[in-house]
Amino acid sequence: MPLIPEEPQIHESAQGSRAASASGRSAPTPRPVPGPRPAPAPRPGRPGPARPKPPAQRAPRETPAVTSVPAAPAPSPSSTSSTVSAPEASAPQIQLVPASVEGALDAAEEAVDLLLESGRAPGDVLVITTGDPHPWAAHELSFGADAYWAQHDAGDDVFYAAAADVARAEQRSVVVVAVNGGSDESAATALPLALSRAGALLIVCGDPQRINAVLGAGV
């Protein structure tokens, strides 16, 4: 009679212990999923309408023409005078930025942003509008002319003024003019005054033909 191989014996004690250990194993505690971070609190800024942000990608445009106003020649010393006159300081450069009447203020804002990004101090920049006033100027004037001009005298930030108030403004290194309206007479008066307030650079944003005509007649 053939021998039947013995069947493998199942040790219930071993199987039971494995089952017990498997059933007694505690399930891992699920980790909390972090939620969205709260938005940072906005930084306090200057009161009034916020300055419009420059577009993320600015369309390339033609390089504005830059012309320099030649300085007047120094007078020759007189043979009978014992002192020699000091030469005059160099005249500021004039940069023309082509823009329409509606886009002149935006072009001026972009010029200010580029000046600050290049390292110019805010107190070195004066912005003049020939048409509607800049929103910041309109807001600050609502608190009174004294408080408005006190910020000009402090000289620690960009100052915005209307063309009618250019005569009261002090000289700054850079003057930006937005020809955003107004009559030709007011522009003809404001642009030469703006040039006299510019220590190093005058940037004029507007119609180039109109600007050249006004500067040619007024300078």
C-alpha atoms as a PDB file:
ATOM      1  CA  MET A   1       0.000   0.000   0.000  1.00  0.00           C
ATOM      2  CA  PRO A   2       1.554   3.309  -1.072  1.00  0.00           C
ATOM      3  CA  LEU A   3       2.460   5.752   1.593  1.00  0.00           C
ATOM      4  CA  ILE A   4       0.479   8.973   1.658  1.00  0.00           C
ATOM      5  CA  PRO A   5       2.667  11.964   2.368  1.00  0.00           C
ATOM      6  CA  GLU A   6       1.804  13.594   5.546  1.00  0.00           C
ATOM      7  CA  GLU A   7      -0.111  16.794   5.230  1.00  0.00           C
ATOM      8  CA  PRO A   8       1.559  19.823   6.671  1.00  0.00           C
ATOM      9  CA  GLN A   9       0.342  20.492  10.097  1.00  0.00           C
ATOM     10  CA  ILE A  10      -1.163  23.869  10.801  1.00  0.00           C
ATOM     11  CA  HIS A  11      -0.126  25.220  14.126  1.00  0.00           C
ATOM     12  CA  GLU A  12      -3.125  27.048  15.368  1.00  0.00           C
ATOM     13  CA  SER A  13      -1.137  28.734  18.073  1.00  0.00           C
ATOM     14  CA  ALA A  14       1.211  30.385  15.552  1.00  0.00           C
ATOM     15  CA  GLN A  15      -1.604  31.427  13.229  1.00  0.00           C
ATOM     16  CA  GLY A  16      -3.602  32.724  16.097  1.00  0.00           C
ATOM     17  CA  SER A  17      -0.745  34.810  17.376  1.00  0.00           C
ATOM     18  CA  ARG A  18      -0.220  36.376  13.935  1.00  0.00           C
ATOM     19  CA  ALA A  19      -3.886  37.148  13.612  1.00  0.00           C
ATOM     20  CA  ALA A  20      -3.919  38.629  17.086  1.00  0.00           C
ATOM     21  CA  SER A  21      -0.893  40.744  16.370  1.00  0.00           C
ATOM     22  CA  ALA A  22      -2.403  41.869  13.071  1.00  0.00           C
ATOM     23  CA  SER A  23      -5.737  42.700  14.618  1.00  0.00           C
ATOM     24  CA  GLY A  24      -4.129  44.371  17.617  1.00  0.00           C
ATOM     25  CA  ARG A  25      -1.945  46.673  15.514  1.00  0.00           C
ATOM     26  CA  SER A  26      -3.233  50.240  15.774  1.00  0.00           C
ATOM     27  CA  ALA A  27      -3.899  52.122  12.545  1.00  0.00           C
ATOM     28  CA  PRO A  28      -1.607  55.137  11.940  1.00  0.00           C
ATOM     29  CA  THR A  29      -3.133  58.443  12.916  1.00  0.00           C
ATOM     30  CA  PRO A  30      -3.736  60.611   9.796  1.00  0.00           C
ATOM     31  CA  ARG A  31      -1.653  63.774   9.706  1.00  0.00           C
ATOM     32  CA  PRO A  32      -3.517  67.075   9.412  1.00  0.00           C
ATOM     33  CA  VAL A  33      -3.401  68.604   5.943  1.00  0.00           C
ATOM     34  CA  PRO A  34      -2.202  72.205   6.080  1.00  0.00           C
ATOM     35  CA  GLY A  35      -4.723  74.664   4.755  1.00  0.00           C
ATOM     36  CA  PRO A  36      -4.073  77.800   2.695  1.00  0.00           C
ATOM     37  CA  ARG A  37      -1.896  80.432   4.304  1.00  0.00           C
ATOM     38  CA  PRO A  38      -3.624  83.641   5.312  1.00  0.00           C
ATOM     39  CA  ALA A  39      -2.953  86.561   3.006  1.00  0.00           C
ATOM     40  CA  PRO A  40      -0.352  88.996   4.385  1.00  0.00           C
ATOM     41  CA  ALA A  41      -1.716  92.168   5.843  1.00  0.00           C
ATOM     42  CA  PRO A  42      -1.286  95.141   3.492  1.00  0.00           C
ATOM     43  CA  ARG A  43       1.459  97.545   4.377  1.00  0.00           C
ATOM     44  CA  PRO A  44       0.360 101.016   5.350  1.00  0.00           C
ATOM     45  CA  GLY A  45       0.949 103.386   2.505  1.00  0.00           C
ATOM     46  CA  ARG A  46       0.557 107.018   1.700  1.00  0.00           C
ATOM     47  CA  PRO A  47      -3.051 108.198   1.972  1.00  0.00           C
ATOM     48  CA  GLY A  48      -4.953 108.862  -1.158  1.00  0.00           C
ATOM     49  CA  PRO A  49      -5.311 107.012  -4.438  1.00  0.00           C
ATOM     50  CA  ALA A  50      -2.663 104.412  -4.994  1.00  0.00           C
ATOM     51  CA  ARG A  51      -0.171 104.961  -7.753  1.00  0.00           C
ATOM     52  CA  PRO A  52      -1.096 102.845 -10.759  1.00  0.00           C
ATOM     53  CA  LYS A  53       1.047  99.741 -11.060  1.00  0.00           C
ATOM     54  CA  PRO A  54       3.132  99.357 -14.221  1.00  0.00           C
ATOM     55  CA  PRO A  55       2.014  96.539 -16.520  1.00  0.00           C
ATOM     56  CA  ALA A  56       3.655  93.169 -16.055  1.00  0.00           C
ATOM     57  CA  GLN A  57       5.042  93.234 -19.589  1.00  0.00           C
ATOM     58  CA  ARG A  58       5.469  96.614 -21.196  1.00  0.00           C
ATOM     59  CA  ALA A  59       5.296  96.755 -24.939  1.00  0.00           C
ATOM     60  CA  PRO A  60       8.562  97.922 -26.491  1.00  0.00           C
ATOM     61  CA  ARG A  61       8.508 101.395 -27.865  1.00  0.00           C
ATOM     62  CA  GLU A  62      10.868 103.630 -29.691  1.00  0.00           C
ATOM     63  CA  THR A  63      13.675 105.147 -27.690  1.00  0.00           C
ATOM     64  CA  PRO A  64      12.692 108.749 -26.924  1.00  0.00           C
ATOM     65  CA  ALA A  65      14.810 111.430 -28.431  1.00  0.00           C
ATOM     66  CA  VAL A  66      17.157 113.165 -26.038  1.00  0.00           C
ATOM     67  CA  THR A  67      18.350 116.650 -26.721  1.00  0.00           C
ATOM     68  CA  SER A  68      20.526 118.868 -24.637  1.00  0.00           C
ATOM     69  CA  VAL A  69      20.083 122.578 -24.297  1.00  0.00           C
ATOM     70  CA  PRO A  70      23.504 124.148 -24.833  1.00  0.00           C
ATOM     71  CA  ALA A  71      24.785 126.199 -21.947  1.00  0.00           C
ATOM     72  CA  ALA A  72      25.384 129.872 -22.521  1.00  0.00           C
ATOM     73  CA  PRO A  73      29.076 130.642 -23.118  1.00  0.00           C
ATOM     74  CA  ALA A  74      30.899 132.092 -20.170  1.00  0.00           C
ATOM     75  CA  PRO A  75      31.774 135.776 -20.615  1.00  0.00           C
ATOM     76  CA  SER A  76      35.381 136.478 -21.426  1.00  0.00           C
ATOM     77  CA  PRO A  77      37.314 138.200 -18.653  1.00  0.00           C
ATOM     78  CA  SER A  78      37.777 141.909 -19.111  1.00  0.00           C
ATOM     79  CA  SER A  79      41.311 143.239 -19.344  1.00  0.00           C
ATOM     80  CA  THR A  80      40.481 145.937 -16.813  1.00  0.00           C
ATOM     81  CA  SER A  81      38.862 143.558 -14.271  1.00  0.00           C
ATOM     82  CA  SER A  82      40.902 141.787 -11.640  1.00  0.00           C
ATOM     83  CA  THR A  83      38.366 138.927 -11.198  1.00  0.00           C
ATOM     84  CA  VAL A  84      37.360 136.196 -13.602  1.00  0.00           C
ATOM     85  CA  SER A  85      33.684 135.217 -13.850  1.00  0.00           C
ATOM     86  CA  ALA A  86      32.912 131.576 -12.993  1.00  0.00           C
ATOM     87  CA  PRO A  87      31.469 129.519 -15.867  1.00  0.00           C
ATOM     88  CA  GLU A  88      27.750 128.771 -15.733  1.00  0.00           C
ATOM     89  CA  ALA A  89      26.487 125.339 -14.731  1.00  0.00           C
ATOM     90  CA  SER A  90      25.592 122.968 -17.530  1.00  0.00           C
ATOM     91  CA  ALA A  91      21.974 123.104 -18.663  1.00  0.00           C
ATOM     92  CA  PRO A  92      19.706 120.123 -17.958  1.00  0.00           C
ATOM     93  CA  GLN A  93      18.998 117.584 -20.635  1.00  0.00           C
ATOM     94  CA  ILE A  94      15.547 117.413 -22.209  1.00  0.00           C
ATOM     95  CA  GLN A  95      13.985 114.026 -22.901  1.00  0.00           C
ATOM     96  CA  LEU A  96      10.801 113.823 -24.960  1.00  0.00           C
ATOM     97  CA  VAL A  97       8.492 110.842 -24.435  1.00  0.00           C
ATOM     98  CA  PRO A  98       5.852 110.613 -27.201  1.00  0.00           C
ATOM     99  CA  ALA A  99       2.371 110.198 -25.721  1.00  0.00           C
ATOM    100  CA  SER A 100      -1.179 111.212 -26.438  1.00  0.00           C
ATOM    101  CA  VAL A 101      -3.061 113.652 -24.242  1.00  0.00           C
ATOM    102  CA  GLU A 102      -4.916 110.735 -22.635  1.00  0.00           C
ATOM    103  CA  GLY A 103      -1.722 108.707 -22.108  1.00  0.00           C
ATOM    104  CA  ALA A 104       0.600 111.499 -21.007  1.00  0.00           C
ATOM    105  CA  LEU A 105      -0.029 110.981 -17.286  1.00  0.00           C
ATOM    106  CA  ASP A 106       0.537 107.218 -17.549  1.00  0.00           C
ATOM    107  CA  ALA A 107       3.773 107.866 -19.448  1.00  0.00           C
ATOM    108  CA  ALA A 108       4.877 110.269 -16.711  1.00  0.00           C
ATOM    109  CA  GLU A 109       4.105 107.659 -14.035  1.00  0.00           C
ATOM    110  CA  GLU A 110       6.158 105.091 -15.933  1.00  0.00           C
ATOM    111  CA  ALA A 111       9.033 107.554 -16.189  1.00  0.00           C
ATOM    112  CA  VAL A 112       8.890 108.123 -12.418  1.00  0.00           C
ATOM    113  CA  ASP A 113       8.935 104.370 -11.776  1.00  0.00           C
ATOM    114  CA  LEU A 114      11.984 103.944 -14.005  1.00  0.00           C
ATOM    115  CA  LEU A 115      13.754 106.822 -12.269  1.00  0.00           C
ATOM    116  CA  LEU A 116      13.171 105.310  -8.836  1.00  0.00           C
ATOM    117  CA  GLU A 117      14.218 101.851 -10.028  1.00  0.00           C
ATOM    118  CA  SER A 118      17.440 103.314 -11.414  1.00  0.00           C
ATOM    119  CA  GLY A 119      18.354 104.703  -7.984  1.00  0.00           C
ATOM    120  CA  ARG A 120      16.908 108.205  -7.973  1.00  0.00           C
ATOM    121  CA  ALA A 121      15.680 109.345  -4.582  1.00  0.00           C
ATOM    122  CA  PRO A 122      11.942 110.147  -4.455  1.00  0.00           C
ATOM    123  CA  GLY A 123      12.718 113.633  -3.203  1.00  0.00           C
ATOM    124  CA  ASP A 124      14.680 114.334  -6.405  1.00  0.00           C
ATOM    125  CA  VAL A 125      11.588 114.119  -8.627  1.00  0.00           C
ATOM    126  CA  LEU A 126       8.926 116.754  -9.343  1.00  0.00           C
ATOM    127  CA  VAL A 127       5.933 115.899 -11.561  1.00  0.00           C
ATOM    128  CA  ILE A 128       3.926 118.659 -13.277  1.00  0.00           C
ATOM    129  CA  THR A 129       0.600 118.273 -15.080  1.00  0.00           C
ATOM    130  CA  THR A 130      -0.675 120.785 -17.622  1.00  0.00           C
ATOM    131  CA  GLY A 131      -4.252 119.461 -17.611  1.00  0.00           C
ATOM    132  CA  ASP A 132      -6.132 117.660 -14.863  1.00  0.00           C
ATOM    133  CA  PRO A 133      -4.129 117.436 -11.611  1.00  0.00           C
ATOM    134  CA  HIS A 134      -2.602 114.167 -10.519  1.00  0.00           C
ATOM    135  CA  PRO A 135      -4.960 112.189  -8.218  1.00  0.00           C
ATOM    136  CA  TRP A 136      -2.432 112.409  -5.381  1.00  0.00           C
ATOM    137  CA  ALA A 137      -2.263 116.205  -5.650  1.00  0.00           C
ATOM    138  CA  ALA A 138      -6.048 116.494  -5.731  1.00  0.00           C
ATOM    139  CA  HIS A 139      -6.306 114.295  -2.638  1.00  0.00           C
ATOM    140  CA  GLU A 140      -3.653 116.147  -0.651  1.00  0.00           C
ATOM    141  CA  LEU A 141      -5.079 119.557  -1.551  1.00  0.00           C
ATOM    142  CA  SER A 142      -8.362 118.466   0.018  1.00  0.00           C
ATOM    143  CA  PHE A 143      -6.588 118.785   3.386  1.00  0.00           C
ATOM    144  CA  GLY A 144      -5.540 122.361   2.663  1.00  0.00           C
ATOM    145  CA  ALA A 145      -2.805 124.149   0.734  1.00  0.00           C
ATOM    146  CA  ASP A 146      -0.564 124.518   3.788  1.00  0.00           C
ATOM    147  CA  ALA A 147      -0.400 120.775   4.438  1.00  0.00           C
ATOM    148  CA  TYR A 148       0.060 120.154   0.712  1.00  0.00           C
ATOM    149  CA  TRP A 149       3.030 122.497   0.330  1.00  0.00           C
ATOM    150  CA  ALA A 150       4.526 121.305   3.618  1.00  0.00           C
ATOM    151  CA  GLN A 151       5.126 117.976   1.909  1.00  0.00           C
ATOM    152  CA  HIS A 152       6.854 119.807  -0.931  1.00  0.00           C
ATOM    153  CA  ASP A 153       9.100 121.648   1.516  1.00  0.00           C
ATOM    154  CA  ALA A 154       9.964 118.377   3.301  1.00  0.00           C
ATOM    155  CA  GLY A 155      11.443 117.118   0.035  1.00  0.00           C
ATOM    156  CA  ASP A 156      11.390 113.441   0.988  1.00  0.00           C
ATOM    157  CA  ASP A 157       8.990 112.123  -1.653  1.00  0.00           C
ATOM    158  CA  VAL A 158       7.863 112.616  -5.247  1.00  0.00           C
ATOM    159  CA  PHE A 159       5.809 115.802  -5.428  1.00  0.00           C
ATOM    160  CA  TYR A 160       2.979 116.429  -7.901  1.00  0.00           C
ATOM    161  CA  ALA A 161       1.971 119.954  -8.866  1.00  0.00           C
ATOM    162  CA  ALA A 162      -0.233 121.655 -11.422  1.00  0.00           C
ATOM    163  CA  ALA A 163       1.241 123.846 -14.138  1.00  0.00           C
ATOM    164  CA  ALA A 164      -0.198 126.944 -12.464  1.00  0.00           C
ATOM    165  CA  ASP A 165       1.878 126.224  -9.340  1.00  0.00           C
ATOM    166  CA  VAL A 166       5.247 125.608 -10.991  1.00  0.00           C
ATOM    167  CA  ALA A 167       6.531 129.052 -10.028  1.00  0.00           C
ATOM    168  CA  ARG A 168       6.165 128.121  -6.338  1.00  0.00           C
ATOM    169  CA  ALA A 169       7.991 124.790  -6.659  1.00  0.00           C
ATOM    170  CA  GLU A 170      11.654 124.558  -5.731  1.00  0.00           C
ATOM    171  CA  GLN A 171      14.327 123.122  -8.014  1.00  0.00           C
ATOM    172  CA  ARG A 172      14.747 119.347  -8.093  1.00  0.00           C
ATOM    173  CA  SER A 173      17.181 117.142  -9.963  1.00  0.00           C
ATOM    174  CA  VAL A 174      14.528 115.722 -12.292  1.00  0.00           C
ATOM    175  CA  VAL A 175      11.279 117.330 -13.423  1.00  0.00           C
ATOM    176  CA  VAL A 176       8.680 115.269 -15.288  1.00  0.00           C
ATOM    177  CA  VAL A 177       5.956 117.127 -17.196  1.00  0.00           C
ATOM    178  CA  ALA A 178       2.777 115.405 -18.356  1.00  0.00           C
ATOM    179  CA  VAL A 179       1.183 117.420 -21.155  1.00  0.00           C
ATOM    180  CA  ASN A 180      -2.237 115.922 -20.433  1.00  0.00           C
ATOM    181  CA  GLY A 181      -4.348 118.855 -21.533  1.00  0.00           C
ATOM    182  CA  GLY A 182      -4.605 122.557 -20.994  1.00  0.00           C
ATOM    183  CA  SER A 183      -4.187 125.344 -23.474  1.00  0.00           C
ATOM    184  CA  ASP A 184      -1.110 125.987 -25.564  1.00  0.00           C
ATOM    185  CA  GLU A 185      -0.591 129.194 -23.607  1.00  0.00           C
ATOM    186  CA  SER A 186      -0.435 127.360 -20.281  1.00  0.00           C
ATOM    187  CA  ALA A 187       1.942 124.769 -21.726  1.00  0.00           C
ATOM    188  CA  ALA A 188       4.112 127.533 -23.196  1.00  0.00           C
ATOM    189  CA  THR A 189       4.356 129.060 -19.718  1.00  0.00           C
ATOM    190  CA  ALA A 190       4.778 125.835 -17.757  1.00  0.00           C
ATOM    191  CA  LEU A 191       7.467 124.158 -19.859  1.00  0.00           C
ATOM    192  CA  PRO A 192      10.102 126.920 -19.615  1.00  0.00           C
ATOM    193  CA  LEU A 193       9.417 127.177 -15.876  1.00  0.00           C
ATOM    194  CA  ALA A 194       9.742 123.412 -15.549  1.00  0.00           C
ATOM    195  CA  LEU A 195      13.064 123.598 -17.375  1.00  0.00           C
ATOM    196  CA  SER A 196      14.270 126.218 -14.915  1.00  0.00           C
ATOM    197  CA  ARG A 197      13.320 123.907 -11.993  1.00  0.00           C
ATOM    198  CA  ALA A 198      15.175 120.895 -13.438  1.00  0.00           C
ATOM    199  CA  GLY A 199      18.687 120.533 -12.108  1.00  0.00           C
ATOM    200  CA  ALA A 200      19.826 117.672 -14.365  1.00  0.00           C
ATOM    201  CA  LEU A 201      16.969 116.301 -16.472  1.00  0.00           C
ATOM    202  CA  LEU A 202      13.600 117.436 -17.821  1.00  0.00           C
ATOM    203  CA  ILE A 203      11.286 114.698 -19.109  1.00  0.00           C
ATOM    204  CA  VAL A 204       8.272 115.879 -21.092  1.00  0.00           C
ATOM    205  CA  CYS A 205       5.521 113.396 -21.966  1.00  0.00           C
ATOM    206  CA  GLY A 206       3.167 114.453 -24.743  1.00  0.00           C
ATOM    207  CA  ASP A 207       2.883 115.321 -28.411  1.00  0.00           C
ATOM    208  CA  PRO A 208       6.464 115.841 -29.699  1.00  0.00           C
ATOM    209  CA  GLN A 209       5.482 118.469 -32.275  1.00  0.00           C
ATOM    210  CA  ARG A 210       3.645 120.517 -29.679  1.00  0.00           C
ATOM    211  CA  ILE A 211       6.437 120.151 -27.138  1.00  0.00           C
ATOM    212  CA  ASN A 212       9.161 121.133 -29.617  1.00  0.00           C
ATOM    213  CA  ALA A 213       7.145 124.129 -30.736  1.00  0.00           C
ATOM    214  CA  VAL A 214       6.621 125.284 -27.156  1.00  0.00           C
ATOM    215  CA  LEU A 215      10.190 124.677 -26.013  1.00  0.00           C
ATOM    216  CA  GLY A 216      11.579 126.267 -29.141  1.00  0.00           C
ATOM    217  CA  ALA A 217       9.576 129.403 -28.515  1.00  0.00           C
ATOM    218  CA  GLY A 218      10.067 129.513 -24.767  1.00  0.00           C
ATOM    219  CA  VAL A 219      13.704 128.532 -24.272  1.00  0.00           C
END
